[in-house]
Protein backbone atom coordinates (compact mmCIF):
# COMPACT_ATOMS: atom_id res chain seq x y z
CA MET A 1 -44.92 60.51 37.22
CA ARG A 2 -40.81 59.05 35.64
CA ARG A 3 -37.76 60.78 36.71
CA SER A 4 -36.73 61.54 33.56
CA ILE A 5 -33.81 61.22 31.66
CA ASP A 6 -32.53 64.41 32.12
CA GLU A 7 -32.63 64.34 35.35
CA LEU A 8 -31.63 61.04 35.51
CA ARG A 9 -28.20 61.63 33.40
CA THR A 10 -28.04 64.79 36.04
CA PHE A 11 -28.28 62.96 39.07
CA TYR A 12 -25.45 60.40 38.09
CA GLY A 13 -23.13 62.80 36.82
CA GLU A 14 -23.10 64.73 40.39
CA PRO A 15 -20.81 63.12 43.13
CA THR A 16 -23.81 61.81 44.74
CA GLY A 17 -25.07 59.61 41.53
CA ALA A 18 -20.90 59.16 41.30
CA LEU A 19 -21.02 57.41 44.33
CA ALA A 20 -24.51 55.27 44.12
CA ARG A 21 -23.41 53.57 41.20
CA ARG A 22 -20.07 53.00 42.00
CA LEU A 23 -21.85 51.53 45.56
CA VAL A 24 -24.33 49.44 43.28
CA ALA A 25 -21.91 48.33 40.81
CA ARG A 26 -19.98 46.71 43.90
CA ARG A 27 -23.43 44.45 44.44
CA LEU A 28 -23.47 43.92 40.89
CA ASP A 29 -20.36 42.78 40.11
CA ASP A 30 -20.33 40.50 43.34
CA ALA A 31 -23.38 38.71 41.76
CA TRP A 32 -22.83 38.21 38.78
CA GLY A 33 -19.55 39.24 37.61
CA GLU A 34 -18.79 39.02 33.90
CA ALA A 35 -21.49 37.79 31.46
CA THR A 36 -19.52 35.92 28.93
CA ASP A 37 -21.56 35.17 25.86
CA CYS A 38 -24.27 36.11 27.33
CA ASP A 39 -26.96 38.41 25.97
CA VAL A 40 -27.87 41.47 28.46
CA LEU A 41 -31.28 43.35 28.87
CA GLY A 42 -31.31 47.02 30.87
CA VAL A 43 -34.80 48.32 31.73
CA GLY A 44 -35.65 51.53 33.30
CA TYR A 45 -31.94 53.45 33.94
CA ALA A 46 -29.33 50.92 33.76
CA THR A 47 -26.81 52.24 31.76
CA PRO A 48 -24.34 53.83 34.65
CA TRP A 49 -23.84 49.39 34.92
CA LEU A 50 -24.24 48.81 31.72
CA ASP A 51 -20.91 48.34 30.62
CA ALA A 52 -19.35 46.56 33.12
CA PHE A 53 -20.84 43.15 31.69
CA VAL A 54 -17.41 41.78 30.12
CA GLY A 55 -17.33 39.16 27.18
CA ALA A 56 -21.27 39.75 26.94
CA ARG A 57 -22.09 38.83 23.38
CA ARG A 58 -25.61 41.23 23.49
CA VAL A 59 -26.25 44.58 25.56
CA VAL A 60 -29.95 45.82 25.63
CA ALA A 61 -30.58 49.20 27.60
CA ALA A 62 -34.91 49.23 27.10
CA MET A 63 -35.91 53.42 28.84
CA PRO A 64 -40.02 53.50 29.61
CA GLY A 65 -41.96 55.97 27.92
CA GLY A 66 -42.46 58.54 30.38
CA GLN A 67 -38.68 58.70 31.11
CA GLY A 68 -37.39 58.83 27.75
CA VAL A 69 -34.03 57.53 26.22
CA GLU A 70 -30.07 58.32 25.36
CA HIS A 71 -28.35 57.37 23.39
CA TRP A 72 -25.75 54.29 24.49
CA PRO A 73 -23.01 54.06 24.28
CA THR A 74 -22.20 57.65 23.96
CA VAL A 75 -19.41 55.52 20.48
CA GLY A 76 -20.60 53.49 18.57
CA ARG A 77 -23.43 51.99 17.44
CA ASN A 78 -26.97 53.22 19.25
CA ARG A 79 -28.56 49.72 21.58
CA THR A 80 -30.96 52.03 23.14
CA LEU A 81 -34.11 52.49 22.41
CA LEU A 82 -38.20 53.58 24.24
CA VAL A 83 -40.56 51.19 25.60
CA ASP A 84 -43.76 50.32 26.40
CA ASP A 85 -43.13 48.64 29.97
CA ARG A 86 -46.23 46.87 29.54
CA ARG A 87 -45.34 45.62 26.40
CA LEU A 88 -41.21 44.57 25.94
CA PRO A 89 -40.77 44.37 22.39
CA PHE A 90 -38.30 41.64 22.95
CA PRO A 91 -38.92 37.92 21.69
CA ALA A 92 -39.66 35.30 24.48
CA GLY A 93 -36.72 33.69 26.32
CA ALA A 94 -34.00 36.32 24.94
CA PHE A 95 -31.93 37.40 27.39
CA ASP A 96 -29.97 35.39 29.97
CA ARG A 97 -29.35 38.13 32.22
CA ILE A 98 -31.78 41.21 32.80
CA LEU A 99 -30.95 43.89 35.70
CA LEU A 100 -33.85 46.81 36.89
CA VAL A 101 -33.54 49.37 37.82
CA HIS A 102 -35.50 52.97 38.37
CA ALA A 103 -38.28 50.86 36.54
CA LEU A 104 -40.32 49.47 39.28
CA GLU A 105 -40.62 52.35 42.04
CA GLU A 106 -42.55 54.50 39.00
CA ALA A 107 -44.23 51.94 36.99
CA ASP A 108 -48.10 51.99 36.95
CA ASP A 109 -48.34 48.27 37.25
CA PRO A 110 -44.51 46.61 38.50
CA ALA A 111 -46.06 43.36 38.38
CA ALA A 112 -46.76 43.66 34.19
CA LEU A 113 -43.60 45.42 33.83
CA LEU A 114 -41.92 42.34 35.53
CA LEU A 115 -44.42 39.75 34.08
CA GLU A 116 -42.89 40.94 30.49
CA ALA A 117 -39.44 40.98 31.75
CA VAL A 118 -39.99 37.41 33.43
CA ARG A 119 -41.44 36.45 29.65
CA ALA A 120 -38.13 38.00 28.11
CA LEU A 121 -35.12 35.53 30.34
CA SER A 122 -34.58 32.63 28.86
CA PRO A 123 -34.91 29.23 30.58
CA THR A 124 -31.50 29.44 32.60
CA GLY A 125 -31.56 33.03 33.03
CA ARG A 126 -31.03 34.91 35.66
CA ILE A 127 -32.59 38.59 37.03
CA ILE A 128 -31.81 41.00 39.46
CA LEU A 129 -34.71 43.84 40.86
CA ALA A 130 -32.67 46.83 42.18
CA ALA A 131 -35.10 49.14 44.11
CA ALA A 132 -35.00 52.36 46.64
CA ALA A 133 -35.55 50.64 50.05
CA ARG A 134 -38.53 51.43 52.11
CA GLY A 135 -36.99 51.95 55.18
CA GLY A 136 -33.99 53.71 54.39
CA LEU A 137 -32.96 57.33 53.59
CA TRP A 138 -32.24 57.23 50.23
CA ALA A 139 -36.53 56.64 49.88
CA ARG A 140 -36.90 60.64 51.46
CA ALA A 141 -34.70 62.08 49.44
CA ASP A 142 -36.82 63.91 46.53
CA ASN A 143 -33.78 65.29 44.88
CA THR A 144 -32.43 61.72 44.58
CA PRO A 145 -34.47 60.06 41.62
CA PHE A 146 -34.70 57.11 44.87
CA GLY A 147 -37.14 59.70 46.38
CA HIS A 148 -39.78 58.82 43.72
CA GLY A 149 -42.39 56.69 43.89
CA ARG A 150 -43.13 53.14 45.98
CA PRO A 151 -40.42 51.66 47.41
CA PHE A 152 -40.39 48.44 48.71
CA THR A 153 -39.33 46.09 51.73
CA ARG A 154 -37.49 42.61 50.94
CA ARG A 155 -40.10 41.02 51.57
CA GLN A 156 -42.20 43.02 48.75
CA LEU A 157 -39.88 42.32 46.63
CA GLU A 158 -40.23 38.84 47.01
CA ARG A 159 -43.82 38.61 46.99
CA LEU A 160 -43.53 40.08 43.79
CA VAL A 161 -41.07 37.85 41.97
CA ARG A 162 -43.06 35.04 43.15
CA ASP A 163 -46.20 36.86 41.92
CA VAL A 164 -45.23 36.40 37.61
CA GLY A 165 -43.44 32.72 38.32
CA LEU A 166 -39.55 33.14 39.70
CA GLU A 167 -37.05 32.00 42.93
CA PRO A 168 -35.87 34.31 44.92
CA MET A 169 -32.27 33.85 45.28
CA ALA A 170 -29.67 35.94 46.96
CA TRP A 171 -29.89 39.58 47.91
CA SER A 172 -28.01 42.17 48.97
CA GLN A 173 -28.41 45.84 49.75
CA THR A 174 -26.81 49.38 50.02
CA LEU A 175 -26.50 53.01 50.14
CA TYR A 176 -26.36 53.09 53.87
CA VAL A 177 -24.89 56.70 53.83
CA PRO A 178 -26.83 59.68 53.96
CA PRO A 179 -27.92 61.67 50.86
CA TRP A 180 -25.60 64.19 52.05
CA GLY A 181 -22.59 66.10 50.35
CA PRO A 182 -21.36 65.94 53.54
CA MET A 183 -21.73 62.39 54.39
CA LEU A 184 -20.72 60.98 51.59
CA PRO A 185 -16.19 61.38 52.02
CA LEU A 186 -18.02 58.42 55.03
CA ALA A 187 -19.66 55.95 52.78
CA GLU A 188 -17.67 53.69 52.81
CA GLY A 189 -17.04 53.15 57.01
CA PHE A 190 -21.31 52.51 56.54
CA GLU A 191 -21.53 50.49 54.30
CA GLN A 192 -19.83 48.44 56.65
CA VAL A 193 -21.15 49.37 59.70
CA GLY A 194 -23.96 49.50 58.66
CA ARG A 195 -24.43 45.77 56.84
CA ARG A 196 -23.42 44.63 60.29
CA VAL A 197 -25.23 46.71 62.93
CA PHE A 198 -28.90 48.90 61.11
CA PRO A 199 -29.18 47.09 57.93
CA GLY A 200 -32.19 48.35 58.30
CA THR A 201 -31.16 52.02 56.91
CA ALA A 202 -29.98 50.71 53.45
CA GLY A 203 -31.11 53.14 50.73
CA LEU A 204 -31.21 50.40 47.23
CA ILE A 205 -32.18 46.45 48.07
CA LEU A 206 -30.81 44.05 45.52
CA LEU A 207 -33.04 41.33 44.74
CA GLU A 208 -31.96 38.01 42.21
CA ALA A 209 -34.34 36.08 40.99
CA SER A 210 -34.34 32.97 38.89
CA ARG A 211 -37.61 30.69 36.86
CA HIS A 212 -39.18 28.11 38.40
CA SER A 213 -41.85 28.28 35.53
CA TYR A 214 -41.86 29.22 31.72
CA ALA A 215 -43.84 31.87 29.94
CA ARG A 216 -45.83 31.46 27.54
CA ILE A 217 -47.48 34.47 25.03
CA ARG A 218 -50.90 34.98 25.60
CA PRO A 219 -53.15 35.27 22.76
CA SER A 220 -53.21 39.77 23.68
CA GLY A 221 -48.85 39.46 23.13
CA HIS A 222 -49.05 39.02 27.28
CA ALA A 223 -46.62 36.92 29.27
CA GLN A 224 -48.85 34.00 30.71
CA ARG A 225 -46.88 32.32 34.12
CA VAL A 226 -47.23 28.14 33.49
CA ALA A 227 -46.87 26.10 35.90
CA ALA A 228 -43.43 23.48 35.00
CA PRO A 229 -40.97 21.84 36.86
CA VAL A 230 -38.81 23.49 38.76
CA LEU A 231 -35.09 24.09 37.49
CA ALA A 232 -31.70 24.36 40.08
CA PRO A 233 -30.84 27.61 39.79
CA GLN A 234 -26.94 28.17 39.32
CA PRO A 235 -25.47 29.98 42.69
CA ALA A 236 -24.79 33.40 42.58
CA ALA A 237 -21.35 34.41 43.46
CA SER A 238 -19.85 34.98 46.73
CA VAL A 239 -23.63 34.24 48.74
CA SER A 240 -23.25 33.70 52.35
CA SER A 241 -25.30 31.45 54.21
CA ARG A 242 -27.51 33.92 55.05
CA GLY A 243 -27.98 34.91 51.17
CA GLU A 244 -26.78 37.71 51.24
CA HIS A 245 -23.46 38.79 48.12
CA ARG A 246 -20.02 39.31 50.50
CA ASP A 247 -17.85 41.97 49.32
């Protein structure tokens, strides 16, 4: 069962959620920075980060039916909609960037959700999956949204994206600090030490991928993977030789 929109909104308004929002935003900026002239889609609960895509031509937030939907942005024309996450209401190839946050962990069928996201991704588009890390403390904290549903390992995410015709490009981790109030002021130190000494303690994995096959529509409306020549992916900004985003 998905966390409700009220629970998610409340969490990101609290100190723990505000910290998570800031640390995840840093990783997203490392990967994509600005999104000039791009069409951007957020799936799940991505609105805390969608404002950061400066220069985007269009930004849309798709929120699963089991979660509920909120008005976003707070000022101006609403750009959110409630969706069936196995039948996204977008034409094929509609988005250049797709961000999934709080989407896979509580999906009834993560592969079906991701396949629909691939269908909506442009041929040269890129996608980032942000998912709770199986070995981290945040996946065990049910007072946060990361402590619900199924957490993932990096290999599981890589297998998932390859199964739907994507090729992993880069990955990163964050949320090394335990999700306990007294520890939050030490978050920066945990980020520095955790990445170098205790990588398995991260609370969140971010995996970036691009197409190496294209999607066509079945008569039922679902996406179907079809073999195609590999497209040369655009490298993510600030990626180390191990494929991990740098600060």
